[in-house]
């Protein structure tokens, strides 16, 4: 099955646009993006793993987590939830951080929109970077390849979770 996956960079607007279709119902896909125990299973590109220290998914709440390499190297990030419309949209501010939760600014604003069509869920993600330098650093760090790998992890996880329901 060919699922839609579009990944576009607009350097002038300092924005990344991602559209990804999943063969799973909307509530399951929503949970995969908003519950730490599911998020940690797919969000890190293999062989890295994701480790959430805490996550409080509510307006003003935060998620503090690390991407951990097979050698144990940790790359921390902090996310602050700006707005939440259950099962349709949420926005957050994301910044790299040190292990003591000190953000490394500038950061980026992520806007997630969820919709369902013909039994499939479409997730549209807009990532606005506060600086072009930060966006270029993301690209250099392998964001495109890493995020594509994460989306494939999620697709496989959703197939497994859908069968369990």
N, C-alpha and C. Protein backbone atom coordinates (compact mmCIF):
# COMPACT_ATOMS: atom_id res chain seq x y z
N UNK A 1 0.85 -1.19 0.00
CA UNK A 1 0.00 0.00 0.00
C UNK A 1 0.89 1.25 0.00
N UNK A 2 0.56 2.17 -0.87
CA UNK A 2 1.32 3.41 -0.94
C UNK A 2 0.65 4.49 -0.11
N UNK A 3 1.27 4.84 0.99
CA UNK A 3 0.72 5.88 1.86
C UNK A 3 1.42 7.19 1.56
N UNK A 4 0.65 8.25 1.53
CA UNK A 4 1.17 9.58 1.23
C UNK A 4 2.24 9.99 2.23
N UNK A 5 3.36 10.50 1.71
CA UNK A 5 4.42 11.04 2.56
C UNK A 5 5.09 12.16 1.79
N UNK A 6 4.86 13.38 2.24
CA UNK A 6 5.43 14.54 1.58
C UNK A 6 6.27 15.32 2.59
N UNK A 7 7.45 15.71 2.18
CA UNK A 7 8.42 16.37 3.05
C UNK A 7 9.00 17.54 2.28
N UNK A 8 8.71 18.77 2.69
CA UNK A 8 9.16 19.96 1.96
C UNK A 8 9.82 20.96 2.88
N UNK A 9 10.93 21.55 2.41
CA UNK A 9 11.60 22.62 3.15
C UNK A 9 11.37 23.93 2.42
N UNK A 10 10.98 24.96 3.16
CA UNK A 10 10.88 26.32 2.61
C UNK A 10 11.86 27.17 3.39
N UNK A 11 13.08 27.30 2.85
CA UNK A 11 14.13 28.02 3.59
C UNK A 11 13.77 29.48 3.80
N UNK A 12 13.13 30.11 2.82
CA UNK A 12 12.76 31.53 2.95
C UNK A 12 11.82 31.72 4.14
N UNK A 13 10.91 30.77 4.34
CA UNK A 13 9.95 30.86 5.44
C UNK A 13 10.46 30.17 6.71
N UNK A 14 11.69 29.56 6.63
CA UNK A 14 12.28 28.83 7.77
C UNK A 14 11.32 27.75 8.28
N UNK A 15 10.63 27.09 7.35
CA UNK A 15 9.57 26.16 7.71
C UNK A 15 9.73 24.82 6.99
N UNK A 16 9.42 23.75 7.72
CA UNK A 16 9.37 22.40 7.16
C UNK A 16 7.90 21.99 7.15
N UNK A 17 7.46 21.41 6.04
CA UNK A 17 6.09 20.93 5.92
C UNK A 17 6.13 19.42 5.71
N UNK A 18 5.43 18.68 6.56
CA UNK A 18 5.40 17.22 6.45
C UNK A 18 3.93 16.79 6.41
N UNK A 19 3.59 15.95 5.44
CA UNK A 19 2.25 15.35 5.41
C UNK A 19 2.47 13.85 5.36
N UNK A 20 1.82 13.14 6.26
CA UNK A 20 2.00 11.68 6.32
C UNK A 20 0.66 11.02 6.57
N UNK A 21 0.39 10.00 5.77
CA UNK A 21 -0.86 9.25 5.87
C UNK A 21 -0.57 7.92 6.58
N UNK A 22 -1.49 7.50 7.44
CA UNK A 22 -1.34 6.23 8.16
C UNK A 22 -2.58 5.38 7.98
N UNK A 23 -2.37 4.08 7.85
CA UNK A 23 -3.48 3.14 7.71
C UNK A 23 -3.91 2.70 9.11
N UNK A 24 -4.48 3.66 9.85
CA UNK A 24 -4.91 3.41 11.23
C UNK A 24 -5.96 4.46 11.59
N UNK A 25 -6.80 4.14 12.59
CA UNK A 25 -7.83 5.12 12.93
C UNK A 25 -7.24 6.31 13.70
N UNK A 26 -7.94 7.41 13.59
CA UNK A 26 -7.46 8.68 14.12
C UNK A 26 -7.14 8.63 15.61
N UNK A 27 -7.98 8.00 16.41
CA UNK A 27 -7.71 8.02 17.86
C UNK A 27 -6.41 7.30 18.20
N UNK A 28 -6.09 6.25 17.46
CA UNK A 28 -4.84 5.52 17.70
C UNK A 28 -3.63 6.37 17.28
N UNK A 29 -3.74 7.04 16.14
CA UNK A 29 -2.64 7.90 15.67
C UNK A 29 -2.45 9.08 16.65
N UNK A 30 -3.56 9.66 17.09
CA UNK A 30 -3.49 10.76 18.08
C UNK A 30 -2.74 10.29 19.33
N UNK A 31 -3.12 9.12 19.84
CA UNK A 31 -2.45 8.58 21.03
C UNK A 31 -0.96 8.38 20.80
N UNK A 32 -0.59 7.97 19.59
CA UNK A 32 0.82 7.71 19.27
C UNK A 32 1.66 8.99 19.35
N UNK A 33 1.02 10.15 19.14
CA UNK A 33 1.73 11.43 19.20
C UNK A 33 1.60 12.11 20.56
N UNK A 34 0.69 11.63 21.41
CA UNK A 34 0.39 12.36 22.64
C UNK A 34 0.56 11.56 23.93
N UNK A 35 0.94 10.31 23.84
CA UNK A 35 1.16 9.49 25.03
C UNK A 35 2.60 9.01 25.05
N UNK A 36 3.31 9.35 26.11
CA UNK A 36 4.75 9.05 26.20
C UNK A 36 5.07 7.57 25.98
N UNK A 37 4.24 6.68 26.54
CA UNK A 37 4.56 5.25 26.44
C UNK A 37 4.49 4.75 25.00
N UNK A 38 3.69 5.39 24.15
CA UNK A 38 3.65 5.01 22.73
C UNK A 38 4.70 5.80 21.95
N UNK A 39 4.81 7.09 22.24
CA UNK A 39 5.78 7.98 21.59
C UNK A 39 7.20 7.42 21.69
N UNK A 40 7.56 6.95 22.86
CA UNK A 40 8.92 6.42 23.06
C UNK A 40 9.21 5.17 22.23
N UNK A 41 8.14 4.51 21.75
CA UNK A 41 8.35 3.28 20.97
C UNK A 41 8.69 3.56 19.50
N UNK A 42 8.43 4.79 19.02
CA UNK A 42 8.65 5.02 17.59
C UNK A 42 9.43 6.28 17.23
N UNK A 43 9.48 7.27 18.10
CA UNK A 43 9.96 8.59 17.68
C UNK A 43 11.46 8.67 17.39
N UNK A 44 12.26 7.78 17.95
CA UNK A 44 13.70 7.83 17.69
C UNK A 44 14.06 6.96 16.49
N UNK A 45 14.89 7.48 15.59
CA UNK A 45 15.33 6.64 14.46
C UNK A 45 16.28 5.56 14.99
N UNK A 46 16.02 4.31 14.60
CA UNK A 46 16.87 3.21 15.06
C UNK A 46 18.31 3.45 14.59
N UNK A 47 19.31 3.08 15.34
CA UNK A 47 19.31 2.30 16.58
C UNK A 47 19.13 3.15 17.84
N UNK A 48 18.85 4.46 17.69
CA UNK A 48 18.60 5.32 18.85
C UNK A 48 17.28 4.94 19.49
N UNK A 49 17.12 5.28 20.77
CA UNK A 49 15.83 5.09 21.45
C UNK A 49 15.43 6.42 22.09
N UNK A 50 14.14 6.54 22.35
CA UNK A 50 13.63 7.73 23.01
C UNK A 50 13.32 7.38 24.46
N UNK A 51 13.66 8.32 25.35
CA UNK A 51 13.44 8.11 26.79
C UNK A 51 12.79 9.38 27.33
N UNK A 52 11.50 9.29 27.67
CA UNK A 52 10.80 10.44 28.23
C UNK A 52 11.00 10.48 29.73
N UNK A 53 11.51 11.60 30.24
CA UNK A 53 11.68 11.77 31.68
C UNK A 53 10.34 12.16 32.30
N UNK A 54 9.62 13.10 31.65
CA UNK A 54 8.25 13.40 32.07
C UNK A 54 7.49 14.00 30.89
N UNK A 55 6.18 13.82 30.92
CA UNK A 55 5.32 14.38 29.89
C UNK A 55 3.99 14.72 30.52
N UNK A 56 3.58 15.96 30.35
CA UNK A 56 2.31 16.45 30.88
C UNK A 56 1.58 17.08 29.69
N UNK A 57 0.80 16.24 28.97
CA UNK A 57 0.15 16.69 27.75
C UNK A 57 -1.11 17.50 28.08
N UNK A 58 -0.87 18.79 28.32
CA UNK A 58 -1.96 19.75 28.55
C UNK A 58 -1.41 21.12 28.17
N UNK A 59 -2.30 22.09 27.93
CA UNK A 59 -1.83 23.43 27.58
C UNK A 59 -0.95 23.95 28.72
N UNK A 60 0.25 24.38 28.38
CA UNK A 60 1.21 24.83 29.38
C UNK A 60 2.06 23.70 29.94
N UNK A 61 1.68 22.46 29.63
CA UNK A 61 2.43 21.29 30.09
C UNK A 61 3.68 21.08 29.23
N UNK A 62 4.53 20.16 29.70
CA UNK A 62 5.80 19.94 29.00
C UNK A 62 6.15 18.47 28.87
N UNK A 63 6.98 18.19 27.88
CA UNK A 63 7.60 16.88 27.74
C UNK A 63 9.11 17.12 27.72
N UNK A 64 9.83 16.36 28.55
CA UNK A 64 11.28 16.44 28.60
C UNK A 64 11.79 15.04 28.29
N UNK A 65 12.59 14.93 27.22
CA UNK A 65 13.00 13.60 26.79
C UNK A 65 14.38 13.64 26.16
N UNK A 66 14.95 12.45 26.00
CA UNK A 66 16.26 12.33 25.35
C UNK A 66 16.19 11.30 24.24
N UNK A 67 16.97 11.55 23.20
CA UNK A 67 17.25 10.54 22.19
C UNK A 67 18.56 9.93 22.68
N UNK A 68 18.59 8.61 22.83
CA UNK A 68 19.75 7.94 23.40
C UNK A 68 20.39 7.02 22.36
N UNK A 69 21.69 7.21 22.14
CA UNK A 69 22.42 6.39 21.16
C UNK A 69 22.72 5.02 21.76
N UNK A 70 23.07 4.05 20.91
CA UNK A 70 23.42 2.71 21.43
C UNK A 70 24.58 2.77 22.43
N UNK A 71 25.45 3.81 22.32
CA UNK A 71 26.57 3.96 23.24
C UNK A 71 26.18 4.70 24.52
N UNK A 72 24.91 5.13 24.60
CA UNK A 72 24.44 5.83 25.80
C UNK A 72 24.53 7.34 25.73
N UNK A 73 24.93 7.89 24.58
CA UNK A 73 24.97 9.36 24.42
C UNK A 73 23.53 9.88 24.40
N UNK A 74 23.28 10.95 25.17
CA UNK A 74 21.92 11.50 25.27
C UNK A 74 21.85 12.88 24.61
N UNK A 75 20.81 13.08 23.79
CA UNK A 75 20.50 14.40 23.23
C UNK A 75 19.13 14.79 23.77
N UNK A 76 19.10 15.75 24.67
CA UNK A 76 17.87 16.14 25.35
C UNK A 76 17.11 17.22 24.58
N UNK A 77 15.79 17.22 24.76
CA UNK A 77 14.93 18.26 24.19
C UNK A 77 13.77 18.49 25.13
N UNK A 78 13.25 19.70 25.07
CA UNK A 78 12.09 20.05 25.89
C UNK A 78 11.00 20.60 24.96
N UNK A 79 9.77 20.19 25.24
CA UNK A 79 8.63 20.63 24.46
C UNK A 79 7.61 21.24 25.40
N UNK A 80 7.04 22.37 24.98
CA UNK A 80 5.99 23.00 25.78
C UNK A 80 4.74 23.09 24.93
N UNK A 81 3.63 22.56 25.47
CA UNK A 81 2.38 22.53 24.72
C UNK A 81 1.67 23.88 24.79
N UNK A 82 1.42 24.45 23.60
CA UNK A 82 0.85 25.79 23.49
C UNK A 82 -0.68 25.73 23.38
N UNK A 83 -1.18 24.81 22.54
CA UNK A 83 -2.63 24.67 22.39
C UNK A 83 -2.95 23.22 22.04
N UNK A 84 -4.14 22.78 22.45
CA UNK A 84 -4.58 21.41 22.19
C UNK A 84 -6.07 21.42 21.86
N UNK A 85 -6.41 20.88 20.69
CA UNK A 85 -7.81 20.62 20.33
C UNK A 85 -7.89 19.11 20.14
N UNK A 86 -8.43 18.40 21.14
CA UNK A 86 -8.38 16.93 21.13
C UNK A 86 -8.73 16.30 19.78
N UNK A 87 -7.84 15.39 19.38
CA UNK A 87 -7.94 14.58 18.17
C UNK A 87 -7.94 15.36 16.85
N UNK A 88 -7.72 16.69 16.90
CA UNK A 88 -7.63 17.43 15.64
C UNK A 88 -6.33 18.23 15.50
N UNK A 89 -5.84 18.82 16.59
CA UNK A 89 -4.66 19.67 16.47
C UNK A 89 -3.98 19.88 17.81
N UNK A 90 -2.66 19.98 17.77
CA UNK A 90 -1.94 20.52 18.92
C UNK A 90 -0.71 21.25 18.42
N UNK A 91 -0.29 22.24 19.22
CA UNK A 91 0.88 23.04 18.89
C UNK A 91 1.83 23.00 20.08
N UNK A 92 3.12 22.98 19.75
CA UNK A 92 4.10 22.98 20.83
C UNK A 92 5.34 23.75 20.39
N UNK A 93 6.08 24.19 21.40
CA UNK A 93 7.38 24.81 21.17
C UNK A 93 8.43 23.76 21.53
N UNK A 94 9.42 23.57 20.69
CA UNK A 94 10.43 22.55 20.88
C UNK A 94 11.82 23.20 20.89
N UNK A 95 12.65 22.80 21.85
CA UNK A 95 14.03 23.29 21.89
C UNK A 95 14.95 22.19 22.37
N UNK A 96 16.14 22.15 21.80
CA UNK A 96 17.16 21.26 22.35
C UNK A 96 17.46 21.76 23.75
N UNK A 97 17.96 20.87 24.61
CA UNK A 97 18.22 21.27 26.00
C UNK A 97 19.38 20.45 26.55
N UNK A 98 19.86 20.88 27.72
CA UNK A 98 20.86 20.05 28.40
C UNK A 98 20.10 19.13 29.38
N UNK A 99 20.84 18.26 30.04
CA UNK A 99 20.19 17.27 30.92
C UNK A 99 19.49 17.91 32.13
N UNK A 100 19.74 19.20 32.36
CA UNK A 100 19.11 19.90 33.48
C UNK A 100 17.94 20.78 33.04
N UNK A 101 17.44 20.53 31.82
CA UNK A 101 16.26 21.22 31.28
C UNK A 101 16.50 22.66 30.87
N UNK A 102 17.76 23.07 30.68
CA UNK A 102 18.02 24.42 30.19
C UNK A 102 17.93 24.41 28.68
N UNK A 103 16.93 25.15 28.13
CA UNK A 103 16.76 25.12 26.67
C UNK A 103 17.89 25.81 25.93
N UNK A 104 18.16 25.29 24.75
CA UNK A 104 19.15 25.87 23.85
C UNK A 104 18.36 26.60 22.77
N UNK A 105 18.27 27.92 22.90
CA UNK A 105 17.47 28.70 21.97
C UNK A 105 18.33 29.19 20.81
N UNK A 106 17.75 29.49 19.65
CA UNK A 106 16.33 29.48 19.33
C UNK A 106 15.77 28.07 19.17
N UNK A 107 14.45 28.00 19.17
CA UNK A 107 13.77 26.72 19.03
C UNK A 107 12.89 26.70 17.79
N UNK A 108 11.88 25.84 17.83
CA UNK A 108 10.96 25.74 16.70
C UNK A 108 9.55 25.52 17.22
N UNK A 109 8.58 25.96 16.41
CA UNK A 109 7.17 25.77 16.74
C UNK A 109 6.62 24.68 15.83
N UNK A 110 6.01 23.68 16.46
CA UNK A 110 5.45 22.55 15.73
C UNK A 110 3.93 22.64 15.80
N UNK A 111 3.29 22.46 14.65
CA UNK A 111 1.83 22.51 14.55
C UNK A 111 1.38 21.20 13.90
N UNK A 112 0.65 20.38 14.66
CA UNK A 112 0.19 19.08 14.17
C UNK A 112 -1.31 19.13 13.92
N UNK A 113 -1.75 18.71 12.73
CA UNK A 113 -3.17 18.64 12.41
C UNK A 113 -3.50 17.21 11.98
N UNK A 114 -4.56 16.67 12.56
CA UNK A 114 -4.97 15.29 12.31
C UNK A 114 -6.33 15.28 11.62
N UNK A 115 -6.48 14.46 10.58
CA UNK A 115 -7.78 14.29 9.94
C UNK A 115 -7.93 12.86 9.46
N UNK A 116 -9.16 12.44 9.31
CA UNK A 116 -9.43 11.07 8.89
C UNK A 116 -10.16 11.09 7.56
N UNK A 117 -9.76 10.19 6.67
CA UNK A 117 -10.36 10.12 5.35
C UNK A 117 -10.29 8.68 4.85
N UNK A 118 -11.43 8.11 4.50
CA UNK A 118 -11.50 6.74 3.98
C UNK A 118 -10.77 5.73 4.88
N UNK A 119 -10.96 5.85 6.20
CA UNK A 119 -10.36 4.91 7.14
C UNK A 119 -8.87 5.11 7.38
N UNK A 120 -8.31 6.15 6.78
CA UNK A 120 -6.89 6.45 6.99
C UNK A 120 -6.79 7.78 7.73
N UNK A 121 -5.69 7.95 8.43
CA UNK A 121 -5.46 9.20 9.17
C UNK A 121 -4.33 9.97 8.50
N UNK A 122 -4.57 11.25 8.28
CA UNK A 122 -3.55 12.11 7.69
C UNK A 122 -3.06 13.07 8.78
N UNK A 123 -1.74 13.12 8.94
CA UNK A 123 -1.12 14.02 9.90
C UNK A 123 -0.34 15.05 9.10
N UNK A 124 -0.66 16.33 9.34
CA UNK A 124 0.08 17.43 8.70
C UNK A 124 0.88 18.14 9.79
N UNK A 125 2.18 18.25 9.57
CA UNK A 125 3.06 18.86 10.56
C UNK A 125 3.77 20.05 9.91
N UNK A 126 3.67 21.19 10.56
CA UNK A 126 4.38 22.38 10.12
C UNK A 126 5.38 22.74 11.21
N UNK A 127 6.65 22.86 10.84
CA UNK A 127 7.70 23.17 11.81
C UNK A 127 8.31 24.52 11.42
N UNK A 128 8.02 25.53 12.22
CA UNK A 128 8.57 26.86 11.97
C UNK A 128 9.79 27.05 12.88
N UNK A 129 10.92 27.34 12.26
CA UNK A 129 12.17 27.54 13.01
C UNK A 129 12.39 29.03 13.25
N UNK A 130 12.76 29.37 14.47
CA UNK A 130 12.99 30.78 14.81
C UNK A 130 14.18 31.37 14.06
N UNK A 131 15.08 30.50 13.59
CA UNK A 131 16.21 31.02 12.81
C UNK A 131 16.55 30.04 11.69
N UNK A 132 17.04 30.59 10.58
CA UNK A 132 17.45 29.76 9.46
C UNK A 132 18.63 28.88 9.87
N UNK A 133 19.52 29.43 10.70
CA UNK A 133 20.69 28.66 11.17
C UNK A 133 20.24 27.41 11.91
N UNK A 134 19.17 27.54 12.74
CA UNK A 134 18.68 26.37 13.47
C UNK A 134 18.11 25.33 12.51
N UNK A 135 17.36 25.80 11.51
CA UNK A 135 16.79 24.87 10.54
C UNK A 135 17.91 24.15 9.78
N UNK A 136 18.94 24.90 9.40
CA UNK A 136 20.06 24.28 8.69
C UNK A 136 20.80 23.27 9.58
N UNK A 137 20.88 23.57 10.88
CA UNK A 137 21.51 22.64 11.83
C UNK A 137 20.68 21.35 11.92
N UNK A 138 19.34 21.50 11.95
CA UNK A 138 18.45 20.32 11.96
C UNK A 138 18.72 19.45 10.75
N UNK A 139 18.82 20.09 9.58
CA UNK A 139 19.04 19.36 8.34
C UNK A 139 20.41 18.66 8.39
N UNK A 140 21.43 19.38 8.84
CA UNK A 140 22.78 18.80 8.94
C UNK A 140 22.82 17.62 9.90
N UNK A 141 22.03 17.69 10.97
CA UNK A 141 22.02 16.61 11.96
C UNK A 141 21.27 15.38 11.45
N UNK A 142 20.78 15.45 10.22
CA UNK A 142 20.10 14.29 9.65
C UNK A 142 18.61 14.23 9.96
N UNK A 143 18.00 15.39 10.20
CA UNK A 143 16.58 15.43 10.56
C UNK A 143 15.71 14.73 9.52
N UNK A 144 15.94 15.01 8.23
CA UNK A 144 15.09 14.43 7.18
C UNK A 144 15.12 12.91 7.23
N UNK A 145 16.32 12.34 7.18
CA UNK A 145 16.46 10.87 7.20
C UNK A 145 15.92 10.30 8.50
N UNK A 146 16.27 10.96 9.61
CA UNK A 146 15.82 10.47 10.91
C UNK A 146 14.31 10.50 11.05
N UNK A 147 13.67 11.59 10.59
CA UNK A 147 12.21 11.69 10.73
C UNK A 147 11.51 10.70 9.82
N UNK A 148 12.07 10.48 8.64
CA UNK A 148 11.48 9.47 7.73
C UNK A 148 11.56 8.09 8.37
N UNK A 149 12.68 7.78 9.03
CA UNK A 149 12.82 6.50 9.73
C UNK A 149 11.81 6.41 10.88
N UNK A 150 11.62 7.51 11.61
CA UNK A 150 10.66 7.52 12.71
C UNK A 150 9.24 7.28 12.20
N UNK A 151 8.89 7.89 11.07
CA UNK A 151 7.56 7.70 10.49
C UNK A 151 7.33 6.25 10.08
N UNK A 152 8.38 5.59 9.59
CA UNK A 152 8.28 4.18 9.24
C UNK A 152 8.13 3.34 10.51
N UNK A 153 8.87 3.69 11.57
CA UNK A 153 8.70 3.02 12.88
C UNK A 153 7.24 3.13 13.32
N UNK A 154 6.67 4.34 13.18
CA UNK A 154 5.29 4.58 13.61
C UNK A 154 4.32 3.76 12.77
N UNK A 155 4.53 3.73 11.46
CA UNK A 155 3.65 2.95 10.58
C UNK A 155 3.62 1.48 11.02
N UNK A 156 4.81 0.92 11.29
CA UNK A 156 4.90 -0.48 11.72
C UNK A 156 4.26 -0.69 13.09
N UNK A 157 4.47 0.24 14.02
CA UNK A 157 3.88 0.16 15.35
C UNK A 157 2.34 0.23 15.28
N UNK A 158 1.85 1.13 14.45
CA UNK A 158 0.39 1.28 14.31
C UNK A 158 -0.23 0.00 13.75
N UNK A 159 0.46 -0.66 12.83
CA UNK A 159 -0.05 -1.93 12.28
C UNK A 159 -0.18 -2.97 13.39
N UNK A 160 0.81 -3.02 14.26
CA UNK A 160 0.80 -3.95 15.39
C UNK A 160 -0.30 -3.59 16.38
N UNK A 161 -0.39 -2.30 16.76
CA UNK A 161 -1.39 -1.86 17.73
C UNK A 161 -2.81 -2.00 17.19
N UNK A 162 -3.00 -1.77 15.89
CA UNK A 162 -4.34 -1.91 15.28
C UNK A 162 -4.84 -3.34 15.39
N UNK A 163 -3.93 -4.31 15.22
CA UNK A 163 -4.30 -5.73 15.32
C UNK A 163 -4.70 -6.10 16.75
N UNK A 164 -4.11 -5.40 17.73
CA UNK A 164 -4.38 -5.70 19.15
C UNK A 164 -5.70 -5.16 19.61
N UNK A 165 -6.29 -4.23 18.85
CA UNK A 165 -7.54 -3.59 19.29
C UNK A 165 -8.73 -4.46 19.01
